[in-house]
Amino acid sequence: MAHQTAGGPYTGGASYDYEVGPDGKRYAVAGEVPIDYGPVPGDPQATVEKMQTVIAAAMHQLIHRQRICKLPLKHGSTYSKQS
């Protein structure tokens, strides 16, 4: 859901894979959100802005987990949110 929110108009609906736990309840164990990463025809600046949103959506969960778990990002990785 976080990717979907961060991706705004460029994302589709989330889909999840479920497994049944020992208690008989279904638990989501994986999921994905489709995202449109194609260029904006005839508008390079709009393409740059779109890609910034796409990258932010892709990185959102990683950044969130890094904050929760206090794990460093992979060596050499950087993330900068553009305003």
Protein backbone atom coordinates (compact mmCIF):
# COMPACT_ATOMS: atom_id res chain seq x y z
CA MET A 1 0.00 0.00 0.00
CA ALA A 2 2.88 2.38 0.74
CA HIS A 3 4.27 1.99 -2.80
CA GLN A 4 0.83 2.64 -4.23
CA THR A 5 0.40 5.82 -2.22
CA ALA A 6 3.90 7.10 -2.99
CA GLY A 7 3.50 6.36 -6.70
CA GLY A 8 0.33 8.39 -7.03
CA PRO A 9 -1.24 8.33 -10.48
CA TYR A 10 1.49 6.10 -11.93
CA THR A 11 0.57 3.01 -9.92
CA GLY A 12 -2.10 0.36 -10.31
CA GLY A 13 -3.86 -1.73 -7.72
CA ALA A 14 -1.83 -3.83 -5.31
CA SER A 15 -1.94 -7.64 -5.49
CA TYR A 16 -0.93 -9.95 -2.68
CA ASP A 17 0.14 -13.57 -2.21
CA TYR A 18 -1.29 -15.26 0.85
CA GLU A 19 -0.42 -18.27 2.97
CA VAL A 20 -2.51 -19.91 5.63
CA GLY A 21 -0.87 -19.78 9.05
CA PRO A 22 -0.96 -22.48 11.70
CA ASP A 23 -3.97 -20.71 13.22
CA GLY A 24 -5.93 -21.19 9.98
CA LYS A 25 -5.90 -17.47 9.11
CA ARG A 26 -4.64 -16.08 5.78
CA TYR A 27 -1.57 -13.86 5.93
CA ALA A 28 -0.12 -11.72 3.14
CA VAL A 29 3.44 -12.90 2.54
CA ALA A 30 4.29 -10.98 -0.64
CA GLY A 31 2.81 -8.38 -2.90
CA GLU A 32 3.38 -6.07 -5.79
CA VAL A 33 2.14 -2.80 -7.21
CA PRO A 34 2.42 -2.19 -10.96
CA ILE A 35 3.93 1.16 -11.89
CA ASP A 36 4.06 3.07 -15.18
CA TYR A 37 7.68 4.04 -15.77
CA GLY A 38 7.39 5.07 -19.43
CA PRO A 39 8.40 8.52 -20.65
CA VAL A 40 5.93 11.38 -21.02
CA PRO A 41 5.86 11.83 -24.82
CA GLY A 42 7.23 15.17 -25.96
CA ASP A 43 7.87 16.51 -22.46
CA PRO A 44 11.33 15.77 -21.05
CA GLN A 45 10.76 17.84 -17.88
CA ALA A 46 7.51 15.99 -17.13
CA THR A 47 9.39 12.71 -17.67
CA VAL A 48 12.03 13.75 -15.13
CA GLU A 49 9.34 14.68 -12.60
CA LYS A 50 7.49 11.42 -13.24
CA MET A 51 10.67 9.39 -12.74
CA GLN A 52 11.33 11.17 -9.44
CA THR A 53 7.89 10.02 -8.28
CA VAL A 54 8.49 6.49 -9.60
CA ILE A 55 11.86 6.25 -7.82
CA ALA A 56 10.37 7.58 -4.60
CA ALA A 57 7.62 4.95 -4.80
CA ALA A 58 10.14 2.16 -5.40
CA MET A 59 12.36 3.32 -2.55
CA HIS A 60 9.55 4.08 -0.10
CA GLN A 61 9.38 0.65 1.52
CA LEU A 62 13.16 0.31 1.70
CA ILE A 63 13.49 3.67 3.43
CA HIS A 64 10.61 2.83 5.78
CA ARG A 65 12.18 -0.51 6.76
CA GLN A 66 15.57 1.12 7.19
CA ARG A 67 14.08 3.60 9.66
CA ILE A 68 12.20 0.92 11.60
CA CYS A 69 15.04 -1.60 11.73
CA LYS A 70 17.79 1.02 11.85
CA LEU A 71 19.66 -0.88 9.15
CA PRO A 72 22.04 1.00 6.88
CA LEU A 73 21.26 1.24 3.20
CA LYS A 74 23.47 -0.85 0.92
CA HIS A 75 26.94 0.65 0.67
CA GLY A 76 26.98 3.35 -1.97
CA SER A 77 23.20 3.73 -2.08
CA THR A 78 21.72 7.16 -1.70
CA TYR A 79 18.21 8.51 -1.53
CA SER A 80 17.14 12.09 -1.80
CA LYS A 81 13.51 13.19 -1.78
CA GLN A 82 13.02 16.09 -4.14
CA SER A 83 10.42 18.72 -3.27
